[in-house]
Amino acid sequence: MNRVISSVGGRAPPRRKLRLPSGSHSIQELRAIVRLRKTLLDDRRAWQQRIQAVLYHQGQPAHPHLLTLDRREWLATLELSPAGRQAIGLALSMIERINEQLEPLDQQLIRYAQHQAGCRALMQHYGIGPLTAVAILSEQGDVRRFSSSRKGHSHSGLDITVFASGAKRAPGKLSRQGPPLLRWALYEAATCAARASSPDHAYYLEV
């Protein structure tokens, strides 16, 4: 994970589509857009969970990936109460609306990542795509402000804390300090990197 964090560097030239000025303000603007996108993702997930809740209370089996075409066709065939059908219809409409808002945001951030040196460096790591790279960059910032990789790691909140009292020492846990969105992005990247197709899969199994 240190290698990933240490990859962030450089500053992006101004992008006409994203309209981000240079300097530290650029990172602040980028961070605001990335956090807006994460809010939309969370909202979409919440509506999906509402659909699952309706299915549960209506005695229907739970299924993942409810937004695929075949799953939507399956939803239309279910025997639901009028209120349940209305709730699912509303949830699907809200999800569609969120997707409409997400699409231009995603395209803006992808274009930014393709032209930003730090994002391009991050994307050389397996499991990090343009949207994850932008999220890491926006929350971690320029790593040259950290005097060591350890401080950059600590900023992410993925460092292990140790609490000792007398002769007792509690097991270490993640400090969880710093930006939650940064930890989310790194977790998403690590989940992809843990796949069997990853070039570092053997190392993942060892640790």
N, C-alpha and C. Protein backbone atom coordinates (compact mmCIF):
# COMPACT_ATOMS: atom_id res chain seq x y z
N MET A 1 0.82 -1.20 0.00
CA MET A 1 0.00 0.00 0.00
C MET A 1 0.86 1.26 0.00
N ASN A 2 2.05 1.17 0.64
CA ASN A 2 2.94 2.32 0.63
C ASN A 2 3.35 2.70 -0.78
N ARG A 3 3.54 1.66 -1.64
CA ARG A 3 3.93 1.94 -3.02
C ARG A 3 2.86 2.73 -3.73
N VAL A 4 1.62 2.39 -3.44
CA VAL A 4 0.52 3.11 -4.08
C VAL A 4 0.47 4.55 -3.61
N ILE A 5 0.57 4.76 -2.29
CA ILE A 5 0.51 6.11 -1.74
C ILE A 5 1.67 6.94 -2.24
N SER A 6 2.85 6.34 -2.36
CA SER A 6 4.03 7.07 -2.80
C SER A 6 3.99 7.42 -4.27
N SER A 7 3.06 6.83 -5.02
CA SER A 7 2.98 7.10 -6.45
C SER A 7 2.36 8.45 -6.76
N VAL A 8 1.66 9.03 -5.80
CA VAL A 8 0.97 10.30 -6.06
C VAL A 8 1.99 11.41 -6.12
N GLY A 9 1.99 12.14 -7.19
CA GLY A 9 2.94 13.25 -7.30
C GLY A 9 2.62 14.08 -8.51
N GLY A 10 3.24 15.21 -8.62
CA GLY A 10 3.03 16.08 -9.76
C GLY A 10 1.75 16.85 -9.64
N ARG A 11 1.64 17.85 -10.46
CA ARG A 11 0.42 18.65 -10.47
C ARG A 11 -0.15 18.65 -11.87
N ALA A 12 -1.43 18.70 -11.95
CA ALA A 12 -2.09 18.60 -13.24
C ALA A 12 -2.14 19.96 -13.92
N PRO A 13 -1.99 19.97 -15.25
CA PRO A 13 -2.24 21.20 -15.99
C PRO A 13 -3.74 21.48 -15.98
N PRO A 14 -4.13 22.73 -16.12
CA PRO A 14 -5.55 23.05 -16.11
C PRO A 14 -6.28 22.31 -17.23
N ARG A 15 -7.43 21.73 -16.91
CA ARG A 15 -8.24 21.02 -17.89
C ARG A 15 -9.47 21.85 -18.20
N ARG A 16 -9.72 22.08 -19.49
CA ARG A 16 -10.82 22.95 -19.87
C ARG A 16 -12.16 22.39 -19.42
N LYS A 17 -12.34 21.08 -19.51
CA LYS A 17 -13.62 20.48 -19.14
C LYS A 17 -13.86 20.56 -17.64
N LEU A 18 -12.81 20.26 -16.85
CA LEU A 18 -12.98 20.21 -15.40
C LEU A 18 -12.86 21.58 -14.77
N ARG A 19 -12.17 22.51 -15.46
CA ARG A 19 -12.00 23.88 -14.99
C ARG A 19 -11.38 23.93 -13.60
N LEU A 20 -10.28 23.21 -13.43
CA LEU A 20 -9.57 23.22 -12.16
C LEU A 20 -8.32 24.08 -12.28
N PRO A 21 -8.18 25.14 -11.49
CA PRO A 21 -6.98 25.96 -11.56
C PRO A 21 -5.79 25.21 -11.00
N SER A 22 -4.59 25.72 -11.26
CA SER A 22 -3.38 25.06 -10.78
C SER A 22 -3.16 25.38 -9.31
N GLY A 23 -2.23 24.63 -8.69
CA GLY A 23 -1.88 24.87 -7.30
C GLY A 23 -2.77 24.10 -6.34
N SER A 24 -2.67 24.45 -5.05
CA SER A 24 -3.41 23.71 -4.03
C SER A 24 -4.91 23.83 -4.21
N HIS A 25 -5.37 24.95 -4.77
CA HIS A 25 -6.80 25.12 -4.99
C HIS A 25 -7.32 24.07 -5.97
N SER A 26 -6.46 23.64 -6.91
CA SER A 26 -6.85 22.60 -7.85
C SER A 26 -7.22 21.32 -7.12
N ILE A 27 -6.43 20.92 -6.15
CA ILE A 27 -6.71 19.72 -5.38
C ILE A 27 -8.01 19.88 -4.58
N GLN A 28 -8.24 21.07 -4.05
CA GLN A 28 -9.47 21.31 -3.29
C GLN A 28 -10.71 21.18 -4.18
N GLU A 29 -10.61 21.72 -5.38
CA GLU A 29 -11.73 21.61 -6.32
C GLU A 29 -11.94 20.15 -6.73
N LEU A 30 -10.84 19.46 -7.01
CA LEU A 30 -10.93 18.06 -7.39
C LEU A 30 -11.54 17.23 -6.27
N ARG A 31 -11.11 17.51 -5.05
CA ARG A 31 -11.63 16.78 -3.89
C ARG A 31 -13.14 16.99 -3.75
N ALA A 32 -13.60 18.20 -3.98
CA ALA A 32 -15.03 18.48 -3.86
C ALA A 32 -15.83 17.67 -4.88
N ILE A 33 -15.31 17.57 -6.10
CA ILE A 33 -16.00 16.81 -7.14
C ILE A 33 -15.99 15.32 -6.83
N VAL A 34 -14.84 14.81 -6.37
CA VAL A 34 -14.74 13.39 -6.03
C VAL A 34 -15.68 13.05 -4.88
N ARG A 35 -15.76 13.91 -3.88
CA ARG A 35 -16.65 13.64 -2.75
C ARG A 35 -18.12 13.73 -3.16
N LEU A 36 -18.42 14.62 -4.10
CA LEU A 36 -19.78 14.68 -4.63
C LEU A 36 -20.14 13.36 -5.32
N ARG A 37 -19.20 12.84 -6.09
CA ARG A 37 -19.43 11.56 -6.76
C ARG A 37 -19.65 10.44 -5.74
N LYS A 38 -18.84 10.42 -4.68
CA LYS A 38 -18.99 9.38 -3.66
C LYS A 38 -20.36 9.49 -2.98
N THR A 39 -20.84 10.70 -2.77
CA THR A 39 -22.16 10.89 -2.18
C THR A 39 -23.24 10.29 -3.07
N LEU A 40 -23.11 10.50 -4.38
CA LEU A 40 -24.07 9.93 -5.31
C LEU A 40 -24.01 8.41 -5.30
N LEU A 41 -22.80 7.86 -5.22
CA LEU A 41 -22.66 6.40 -5.15
C LEU A 41 -23.32 5.85 -3.89
N ASP A 42 -23.13 6.54 -2.78
CA ASP A 42 -23.75 6.11 -1.52
C ASP A 42 -25.27 6.18 -1.61
N ASP A 43 -25.77 7.25 -2.24
CA ASP A 43 -27.22 7.38 -2.40
C ASP A 43 -27.78 6.25 -3.27
N ARG A 44 -27.07 5.93 -4.34
CA ARG A 44 -27.53 4.85 -5.22
C ARG A 44 -27.55 3.51 -4.48
N ARG A 45 -26.50 3.28 -3.69
CA ARG A 45 -26.46 2.04 -2.91
C ARG A 45 -27.62 1.99 -1.90
N ALA A 46 -27.94 3.14 -1.31
CA ALA A 46 -29.04 3.18 -0.35
C ALA A 46 -30.37 2.82 -1.01
N TRP A 47 -30.59 3.29 -2.23
CA TRP A 47 -31.83 2.95 -2.93
C TRP A 47 -31.86 1.48 -3.30
N GLN A 48 -30.71 0.92 -3.65
CA GLN A 48 -30.66 -0.51 -3.92
C GLN A 48 -31.00 -1.32 -2.66
N GLN A 49 -30.51 -0.85 -1.53
CA GLN A 49 -30.82 -1.53 -0.27
C GLN A 49 -32.30 -1.44 0.07
N ARG A 50 -32.93 -0.33 -0.31
CA ARG A 50 -34.37 -0.20 -0.09
C ARG A 50 -35.13 -1.24 -0.92
N ILE A 51 -34.66 -1.46 -2.14
CA ILE A 51 -35.30 -2.50 -2.97
C ILE A 51 -35.17 -3.86 -2.31
N GLN A 52 -33.97 -4.16 -1.81
CA GLN A 52 -33.76 -5.44 -1.14
C GLN A 52 -34.66 -5.57 0.09
N ALA A 53 -34.84 -4.47 0.82
CA ALA A 53 -35.70 -4.49 2.00
C ALA A 53 -37.15 -4.78 1.62
N VAL A 54 -37.61 -4.17 0.53
CA VAL A 54 -38.98 -4.43 0.07
C VAL A 54 -39.14 -5.90 -0.30
N LEU A 55 -38.16 -6.44 -1.03
CA LEU A 55 -38.23 -7.85 -1.42
C LEU A 55 -38.28 -8.75 -0.19
N TYR A 56 -37.48 -8.41 0.81
CA TYR A 56 -37.46 -9.23 2.03
C TYR A 56 -38.82 -9.22 2.72
N HIS A 57 -39.40 -8.05 2.86
CA HIS A 57 -40.69 -7.95 3.57
C HIS A 57 -41.84 -8.52 2.74
N GLN A 58 -41.63 -8.63 1.43
CA GLN A 58 -42.67 -9.21 0.58
C GLN A 58 -42.46 -10.71 0.40
N GLY A 59 -41.47 -11.27 1.10
CA GLY A 59 -41.22 -12.71 1.03
C GLY A 59 -40.55 -13.16 -0.25
N GLN A 60 -39.84 -12.26 -0.92
CA GLN A 60 -39.15 -12.59 -2.16
C GLN A 60 -37.67 -12.82 -1.88
N PRO A 61 -37.03 -13.67 -2.69
CA PRO A 61 -35.60 -13.94 -2.48
C PRO A 61 -34.75 -12.74 -2.83
N ALA A 62 -33.65 -12.61 -2.12
CA ALA A 62 -32.71 -11.52 -2.40
C ALA A 62 -31.81 -11.91 -3.56
N HIS A 63 -31.50 -10.94 -4.41
CA HIS A 63 -30.62 -11.18 -5.54
C HIS A 63 -29.65 -10.01 -5.66
N PRO A 64 -28.39 -10.30 -5.95
CA PRO A 64 -27.45 -9.20 -6.19
C PRO A 64 -27.63 -8.62 -7.59
N HIS A 65 -26.96 -7.52 -7.83
CA HIS A 65 -26.93 -6.91 -9.17
C HIS A 65 -28.35 -6.65 -9.70
N LEU A 66 -29.15 -5.97 -8.91
CA LEU A 66 -30.53 -5.72 -9.29
C LEU A 66 -30.68 -4.73 -10.44
N LEU A 67 -29.60 -4.05 -10.80
CA LEU A 67 -29.71 -3.01 -11.82
C LEU A 67 -29.45 -3.52 -13.23
N THR A 68 -29.09 -4.79 -13.37
CA THR A 68 -28.89 -5.34 -14.71
C THR A 68 -30.24 -5.52 -15.39
N LEU A 69 -30.22 -5.62 -16.72
CA LEU A 69 -31.47 -5.72 -17.47
C LEU A 69 -32.26 -6.97 -17.10
N ASP A 70 -31.58 -8.10 -16.97
CA ASP A 70 -32.31 -9.33 -16.66
C ASP A 70 -32.90 -9.30 -15.25
N ARG A 71 -32.19 -8.64 -14.31
CA ARG A 71 -32.72 -8.53 -12.96
C ARG A 71 -33.94 -7.60 -12.93
N ARG A 72 -33.92 -6.56 -13.74
CA ARG A 72 -35.08 -5.66 -13.78
C ARG A 72 -36.28 -6.37 -14.38
N GLU A 73 -36.03 -7.19 -15.38
CA GLU A 73 -37.12 -7.98 -15.95
C GLU A 73 -37.66 -8.97 -14.91
N TRP A 74 -36.74 -9.51 -14.10
CA TRP A 74 -37.16 -10.42 -13.03
C TRP A 74 -38.01 -9.69 -12.00
N LEU A 75 -37.63 -8.46 -11.65
CA LEU A 75 -38.41 -7.67 -10.69
C LEU A 75 -39.83 -7.44 -11.20
N ALA A 76 -39.95 -7.23 -12.51
CA ALA A 76 -41.27 -6.94 -13.08
C ALA A 76 -42.21 -8.14 -13.01
N THR A 77 -41.66 -9.34 -12.88
CA THR A 77 -42.49 -10.54 -12.85
C THR A 77 -42.93 -10.94 -11.44
N LEU A 78 -42.39 -10.29 -10.42
CA LEU A 78 -42.67 -10.69 -9.05
C LEU A 78 -44.08 -10.30 -8.63
N GLU A 79 -44.65 -11.10 -7.75
CA GLU A 79 -45.95 -10.78 -7.16
C GLU A 79 -45.71 -9.93 -5.92
N LEU A 80 -46.01 -8.66 -6.02
CA LEU A 80 -45.79 -7.72 -4.93
C LEU A 80 -47.08 -6.99 -4.61
N SER A 81 -47.16 -6.48 -3.41
CA SER A 81 -48.31 -5.65 -3.05
C SER A 81 -48.22 -4.33 -3.81
N PRO A 82 -49.33 -3.61 -3.95
CA PRO A 82 -49.28 -2.31 -4.64
C PRO A 82 -48.26 -1.36 -4.03
N ALA A 83 -48.19 -1.33 -2.70
CA ALA A 83 -47.22 -0.44 -2.05
C ALA A 83 -45.79 -0.89 -2.34
N GLY A 84 -45.57 -2.21 -2.33
CA GLY A 84 -44.24 -2.72 -2.63
C GLY A 84 -43.82 -2.42 -4.05
N ARG A 85 -44.75 -2.60 -4.99
CA ARG A 85 -44.46 -2.29 -6.40
C ARG A 85 -44.15 -0.81 -6.57
N GLN A 86 -44.91 0.04 -5.89
CA GLN A 86 -44.68 1.48 -5.99
C GLN A 86 -43.32 1.84 -5.41
N ALA A 87 -42.95 1.23 -4.28
CA ALA A 87 -41.66 1.54 -3.65
C ALA A 87 -40.50 1.14 -4.54
N ILE A 88 -40.61 -0.02 -5.18
CA ILE A 88 -39.53 -0.46 -6.06
C ILE A 88 -39.46 0.41 -7.30
N GLY A 89 -40.61 0.78 -7.84
CA GLY A 89 -40.61 1.67 -9.01
C GLY A 89 -39.97 3.01 -8.71
N LEU A 90 -40.29 3.55 -7.54
CA LEU A 90 -39.69 4.83 -7.14
C LEU A 90 -38.18 4.68 -6.97
N ALA A 91 -37.75 3.59 -6.33
CA ALA A 91 -36.32 3.37 -6.12
C ALA A 91 -35.58 3.26 -7.44
N LEU A 92 -36.14 2.54 -8.39
CA LEU A 92 -35.50 2.41 -9.70
C LEU A 92 -35.43 3.75 -10.42
N SER A 93 -36.48 4.56 -10.28
CA SER A 93 -36.47 5.89 -10.90
C SER A 93 -35.39 6.77 -10.29
N MET A 94 -35.23 6.71 -8.98
CA MET A 94 -34.20 7.49 -8.31
C MET A 94 -32.81 7.03 -8.72
N ILE A 95 -32.63 5.73 -8.86
CA ILE A 95 -31.34 5.20 -9.30
C ILE A 95 -31.01 5.67 -10.71
N GLU A 96 -32.01 5.67 -11.59
CA GLU A 96 -31.80 6.16 -12.95
C GLU A 96 -31.38 7.63 -12.94
N ARG A 97 -32.02 8.41 -12.10
CA ARG A 97 -31.68 9.83 -12.00
C ARG A 97 -30.26 10.01 -11.50
N ILE A 98 -29.87 9.24 -10.51
CA ILE A 98 -28.50 9.32 -9.99
C ILE A 98 -27.50 8.93 -11.07
N ASN A 99 -27.81 7.88 -11.83
CA ASN A 99 -26.91 7.46 -12.90
C ASN A 99 -26.73 8.56 -13.94
N GLU A 100 -27.79 9.29 -14.21
CA GLU A 100 -27.71 10.40 -15.16
C GLU A 100 -26.76 11.48 -14.66
N GLN A 101 -26.75 11.71 -13.36
CA GLN A 101 -25.85 12.70 -12.78
C GLN A 101 -24.42 12.18 -12.68
N LEU A 102 -24.27 10.88 -12.49
CA LEU A 102 -22.94 10.29 -12.35
C LEU A 102 -22.17 10.26 -13.67
N GLU A 103 -22.87 10.04 -14.76
CA GLU A 103 -22.18 9.85 -16.04
C GLU A 103 -21.28 11.03 -16.41
N PRO A 104 -21.77 12.28 -16.42
CA PRO A 104 -20.86 13.38 -16.76
C PRO A 104 -19.75 13.58 -15.74
N LEU A 105 -20.03 13.33 -14.47
CA LEU A 105 -18.97 13.44 -13.46
C LEU A 105 -17.87 12.43 -13.72
N ASP A 106 -18.27 11.19 -14.02
CA ASP A 106 -17.28 10.15 -14.30
C ASP A 106 -16.42 10.53 -15.50
N GLN A 107 -17.05 11.03 -16.54
CA GLN A 107 -16.30 11.40 -17.74
C GLN A 107 -15.32 12.53 -17.46
N GLN A 108 -15.73 13.51 -16.67
CA GLN A 108 -14.83 14.59 -16.30
C GLN A 108 -13.61 14.06 -15.55
N LEU A 109 -13.85 13.22 -14.58
CA LEU A 109 -12.77 12.72 -13.74
C LEU A 109 -11.85 11.78 -14.52
N ILE A 110 -12.41 11.00 -15.42
CA ILE A 110 -11.59 10.11 -16.24
C ILE A 110 -10.67 10.92 -17.14
N ARG A 111 -11.19 11.97 -17.75
CA ARG A 111 -10.35 12.82 -18.60
C ARG A 111 -9.24 13.46 -17.78
N TYR A 112 -9.57 13.89 -16.57
CA TYR A 112 -8.56 14.49 -15.70
C TYR A 112 -7.47 13.49 -15.39
N ALA A 113 -7.85 12.26 -15.04
CA ALA A 113 -6.87 11.24 -14.67
C ALA A 113 -5.94 10.91 -15.83
N GLN A 114 -6.47 10.94 -17.04
CA GLN A 114 -5.66 10.59 -18.20
C GLN A 114 -4.58 11.62 -18.50
N HIS A 115 -4.71 12.83 -17.96
CA HIS A 115 -3.75 13.89 -18.24
C HIS A 115 -2.96 14.32 -17.01
N GLN A 116 -3.19 13.69 -15.87
CA GLN A 116 -2.52 14.09 -14.64
C GLN A 116 -1.42 13.09 -14.31
N ALA A 117 -0.22 13.62 -14.05
CA ALA A 117 0.95 12.74 -13.86
C ALA A 117 0.78 11.80 -12.68
N GLY A 118 0.27 12.30 -11.56
CA GLY A 118 0.10 11.46 -10.39
C GLY A 118 -0.91 10.35 -10.63
N CYS A 119 -2.00 10.67 -11.31
CA CYS A 119 -3.00 9.64 -11.62
C CYS A 119 -2.44 8.59 -12.56
N ARG A 120 -1.68 9.03 -13.56
CA ARG A 120 -1.09 8.06 -14.48
C ARG A 120 -0.14 7.12 -13.76
N ALA A 121 0.61 7.65 -12.79
CA ALA A 121 1.51 6.80 -12.01
C ALA A 121 0.72 5.79 -11.18
N LEU A 122 -0.36 6.23 -10.59
CA LEU A 122 -1.19 5.33 -9.79
C LEU A 122 -1.80 4.23 -10.64
N MET A 123 -2.21 4.58 -11.85
CA MET A 123 -2.88 3.61 -12.71
C MET A 123 -1.94 2.53 -13.22
N GLN A 124 -0.65 2.67 -12.98
CA GLN A 124 0.29 1.61 -13.33
C GLN A 124 0.18 0.43 -12.37
N HIS A 125 -0.46 0.66 -11.22
CA HIS A 125 -0.67 -0.42 -10.25
C HIS A 125 -1.94 -1.19 -10.61
N TYR A 126 -1.85 -2.49 -10.57
CA TYR A 126 -3.00 -3.33 -10.89
C TYR A 126 -4.14 -3.04 -9.90
N GLY A 127 -5.33 -2.87 -10.43
CA GLY A 127 -6.50 -2.63 -9.59
C GLY A 127 -6.88 -1.17 -9.45
N ILE A 128 -6.05 -0.27 -9.97
CA ILE A 128 -6.34 1.16 -9.87
C ILE A 128 -6.69 1.70 -11.25
N GLY A 129 -7.94 2.06 -11.42
CA GLY A 129 -8.39 2.69 -12.64
C GLY A 129 -8.41 4.19 -12.49
N PRO A 130 -8.86 4.90 -13.51
CA PRO A 130 -8.83 6.37 -13.46
C PRO A 130 -9.67 6.97 -12.33
N LEU A 131 -10.85 6.42 -12.06
CA LEU A 131 -11.70 6.99 -11.01
C LEU A 131 -11.12 6.74 -9.63
N THR A 132 -10.54 5.57 -9.41
CA THR A 132 -9.89 5.30 -8.13
C THR A 132 -8.65 6.15 -7.98
N ALA A 133 -7.90 6.32 -9.06
CA ALA A 133 -6.68 7.14 -9.02
C ALA A 133 -7.01 8.59 -8.65
N VAL A 134 -8.06 9.13 -9.24
CA VAL A 134 -8.46 10.50 -8.94
C VAL A 134 -8.87 10.63 -7.47
N ALA A 135 -9.58 9.62 -6.96
CA ALA A 135 -10.00 9.66 -5.56
C ALA A 135 -8.79 9.66 -4.63
N ILE A 136 -7.80 8.82 -4.93
CA ILE A 136 -6.60 8.75 -4.10
C ILE A 136 -5.85 10.07 -4.15
N LEU A 137 -5.67 10.60 -5.35
CA LEU A 137 -4.94 11.85 -5.52
C LEU A 137 -5.62 13.00 -4.78
N SER A 138 -6.93 13.09 -4.91
CA SER A 138 -7.65 14.22 -4.33
C SER A 138 -7.58 14.22 -2.81
N GLU A 139 -7.55 13.03 -2.20
CA GLU A 139 -7.53 12.95 -0.75
C GLU A 139 -6.11 12.91 -0.18
N GLN A 140 -5.17 12.33 -0.93
CA GLN A 140 -3.79 12.25 -0.45
C GLN A 140 -3.02 13.51 -0.79
N GLY A 141 -3.35 14.12 -1.93
CA GLY A 141 -2.63 15.32 -2.34
C GLY A 141 -1.24 14.99 -2.86
N ASP A 142 -0.43 16.00 -2.99
CA ASP A 142 0.94 15.84 -3.47
C ASP A 142 1.79 15.25 -2.34
N VAL A 143 2.34 14.06 -2.57
CA VAL A 143 3.07 13.37 -1.49
C VAL A 143 4.39 14.06 -1.15
N ARG A 144 4.79 15.02 -1.95
CA ARG A 144 6.04 15.72 -1.63
C ARG A 144 5.91 16.55 -0.35
N ARG A 145 4.70 16.74 0.11
CA ARG A 145 4.51 17.47 1.37
C ARG A 145 4.79 16.58 2.58
N PHE A 146 4.93 15.26 2.37
CA PHE A 146 5.27 14.35 3.46
C PHE A 146 6.77 14.11 3.46
N SER A 147 7.38 14.16 4.64
CA SER A 147 8.83 13.96 4.74
C SER A 147 9.23 12.49 4.62
N SER A 148 8.26 11.57 4.75
CA SER A 148 8.56 10.15 4.62
C SER A 148 7.30 9.42 4.19
N SER A 149 7.49 8.22 3.62
CA SER A 149 6.33 7.42 3.21
C SER A 149 5.51 7.00 4.42
N ARG A 150 6.17 6.88 5.57
CA ARG A 150 5.45 6.50 6.79
C ARG A 150 4.42 7.57 7.16
N LYS A 151 4.77 8.83 6.99
CA LYS A 151 3.83 9.90 7.31
C LYS A 151 2.67 9.91 6.31
N GLY A 152 2.99 9.61 5.06
CA GLY A 152 1.91 9.52 4.08
C GLY A 152 0.97 8.37 4.39
N HIS A 153 1.55 7.26 4.84
CA HIS A 153 0.75 6.11 5.23
C HIS A 153 -0.13 6.44 6.43
N SER A 154 0.44 7.16 7.39
CA SER A 154 -0.32 7.56 8.57
C SER A 154 -1.48 8.48 8.21
N HIS A 155 -1.26 9.33 7.22
CA HIS A 155 -2.31 10.25 6.78
C HIS A 155 -3.53 9.49 6.27
N SER A 156 -3.31 8.32 5.69
CA SER A 156 -4.42 7.54 5.15
C SER A 156 -5.25 6.86 6.23
N GLY A 157 -4.70 6.77 7.45
CA GLY A 157 -5.42 6.10 8.53
C GLY A 157 -5.31 4.60 8.49
N LEU A 158 -4.36 4.08 7.68
CA LEU A 158 -4.17 2.64 7.58
C LEU A 158 -3.01 2.14 8.44
N ASP A 159 -2.46 3.02 9.26
CA ASP A 159 -1.39 2.60 10.15
C ASP A 159 -1.98 1.90 11.37
N ILE A 160 -1.16 1.06 12.00
CA ILE A 160 -1.61 0.27 13.15
C ILE A 160 -1.31 1.02 14.43
N THR A 161 -2.32 1.16 15.27
CA THR A 161 -2.14 1.81 16.56
C THR A 161 -1.84 0.76 17.62
N VAL A 162 -1.08 1.18 18.63
CA VAL A 162 -0.71 0.28 19.73
C VAL A 162 -1.04 0.97 21.03
N PHE A 163 -1.77 0.29 21.90
CA PHE A 163 -2.09 0.83 23.22
C PHE A 163 -1.51 -0.08 24.27
N ALA A 164 -0.65 0.46 25.12
CA ALA A 164 -0.01 -0.33 26.16
C ALA A 164 -0.28 0.30 27.52
N SER A 165 -0.62 -0.53 28.50
CA SER A 165 -0.85 -0.06 29.86
C SER A 165 -0.21 -1.05 30.82
N GLY A 166 0.88 -0.62 31.46
CA GLY A 166 1.59 -1.51 32.35
C GLY A 166 2.21 -2.67 31.58
N ALA A 167 1.89 -3.88 31.98
CA ALA A 167 2.44 -5.06 31.31
C ALA A 167 1.53 -5.57 30.20
N LYS A 168 0.38 -4.91 30.01
CA LYS A 168 -0.57 -5.36 29.01
C LYS A 168 -0.44 -4.52 27.74
N ARG A 169 -0.63 -5.19 26.63
CA ARG A 169 -0.55 -4.51 25.34
C ARG A 169 -1.73 -4.96 24.48
N ALA A 170 -2.57 -4.04 24.15
CA ALA A 170 -3.76 -4.36 23.35
C ALA A 170 -3.36 -4.64 21.91
N PRO A 171 -4.08 -5.53 21.24
CA PRO A 171 -3.77 -5.79 19.83
C PRO A 171 -3.96 -4.54 18.98
N GLY A 172 -3.11 -4.38 18.00
CA GLY A 172 -3.16 -3.19 17.16
C GLY A 172 -4.38 -3.17 16.25
N LYS A 173 -4.90 -1.99 16.01
CA LYS A 173 -6.00 -1.79 15.09
C LYS A 173 -5.67 -0.62 14.18
N LEU A 174 -6.37 -0.54 13.07
CA LEU A 174 -6.18 0.59 12.18
C LEU A 174 -6.57 1.88 12.90
N SER A 175 -5.77 2.91 12.71
CA SER A 175 -6.06 4.18 13.39
C SER A 175 -7.33 4.83 12.84
N ARG A 176 -7.60 4.61 11.55
CA ARG A 176 -8.78 5.18 10.87
C ARG A 176 -8.82 6.70 10.98
N GLN A 177 -7.67 7.31 11.08
CA GLN A 177 -7.60 8.76 11.04
C GLN A 177 -7.40 9.20 9.60
N GLY A 178 -7.67 10.45 9.35
CA GLY A 178 -7.52 10.93 7.99
C GLY A 178 -8.80 10.75 7.18
N PRO A 179 -8.74 11.00 5.87
CA PRO A 179 -9.93 11.01 5.02
C PRO A 179 -10.55 9.62 4.85
N PRO A 180 -11.81 9.43 5.20
CA PRO A 180 -12.47 8.13 4.99
C PRO A 180 -12.52 7.74 3.52
N LEU A 181 -12.69 8.73 2.63
CA LEU A 181 -12.79 8.42 1.22
C LEU A 181 -11.48 7.86 0.69
N LEU A 182 -10.36 8.30 1.24
CA LEU A 182 -9.06 7.77 0.83
C LEU A 182 -8.97 6.29 1.18
N ARG A 183 -9.38 5.93 2.40
CA ARG A 183 -9.35 4.52 2.80
C ARG A 183 -10.30 3.69 1.93
N TRP A 184 -11.44 4.26 1.59
CA TRP A 184 -12.38 3.56 0.72
C TRP A 184 -11.75 3.29 -0.64
N ALA A 185 -11.10 4.29 -1.22
CA ALA A 185 -10.49 4.12 -2.53
C ALA A 185 -9.37 3.08 -2.49
N LEU A 186 -8.54 3.12 -1.45
CA LEU A 186 -7.45 2.16 -1.32
C LEU A 186 -8.00 0.75 -1.09
N TYR A 187 -9.09 0.65 -0.34
CA TYR A 187 -9.71 -0.66 -0.13
C TYR A 187 -10.24 -1.22 -1.45
N GLU A 188 -10.90 -0.37 -2.24
CA GLU A 188 -11.42 -0.81 -3.53
C GLU A 188 -10.29 -1.29 -4.43
N ALA A 189 -9.18 -0.56 -4.42
CA ALA A 189 -8.03 -0.95 -5.23
C ALA A 189 -7.46 -2.28 -4.74
N ALA A 190 -7.35 -2.44 -3.43
CA ALA A 190 -6.80 -3.68 -2.87
C ALA A 190 -7.71 -4.87 -3.17
N THR A 191 -9.02 -4.65 -3.17
CA THR A 191 -9.95 -5.73 -3.48
C THR A 191 -9.73 -6.24 -4.91
N CYS A 192 -9.53 -5.30 -5.83
CA CYS A 192 -9.25 -5.69 -7.21
C CYS A 192 -7.90 -6.40 -7.32
N ALA A 193 -6.91 -5.89 -6.60
CA ALA A 193 -5.56 -6.45 -6.66
C ALA A 193 -5.50 -7.84 -6.04
N ALA A 194 -6.49 -8.20 -5.22
CA ALA A 194 -6.50 -9.52 -4.57
C ALA A 194 -7.05 -10.61 -5.48
N ARG A 195 -7.53 -10.24 -6.65
CA ARG A 195 -8.10 -11.23 -7.56
C ARG A 195 -7.02 -12.20 -8.05
N ALA A 196 -7.46 -13.38 -8.46
CA ALA A 196 -6.51 -14.39 -8.93
C ALA A 196 -5.75 -13.93 -10.16
N SER A 197 -6.33 -13.04 -10.94
CA SER A 197 -5.66 -12.55 -12.15
C SER A 197 -4.60 -11.50 -11.87
N SER A 198 -4.51 -11.05 -10.62
CA SER A 198 -3.53 -10.03 -10.26
C SER A 198 -2.12 -10.58 -10.35
N PRO A 199 -1.16 -9.81 -10.86
CA PRO A 199 0.24 -10.27 -10.91
C PRO A 199 0.84 -10.44 -9.52
N ASP A 200 0.25 -9.82 -8.50
CA ASP A 200 0.75 -9.95 -7.13
C ASP A 200 -0.11 -10.88 -6.29
N HIS A 201 -0.89 -11.74 -6.94
CA HIS A 201 -1.80 -12.60 -6.19
C HIS A 201 -1.05 -13.56 -5.27
N ALA A 202 0.09 -14.07 -5.70
CA ALA A 202 0.88 -14.98 -4.86
C ALA A 202 1.33 -14.28 -3.58
N TYR A 203 1.74 -13.02 -3.72
CA TYR A 203 2.15 -12.26 -2.53
C TYR A 203 0.96 -12.02 -1.61
N TYR A 204 -0.20 -11.76 -2.20
CA TYR A 204 -1.41 -11.55 -1.40
C TYR A 204 -1.73 -12.79 -0.57
N LEU A 205 -1.56 -13.98 -1.14
CA LEU A 205 -1.84 -15.21 -0.41
C LEU A 205 -0.85 -15.41 0.73
N GLU A 206 0.37 -14.92 0.56
CA GLU A 206 1.39 -15.08 1.60
C GLU A 206 1.08 -14.23 2.82
N VAL A 207 0.57 -13.02 2.59
CA VAL A 207 0.34 -12.10 3.70
C VAL A 207 -1.11 -12.18 4.19
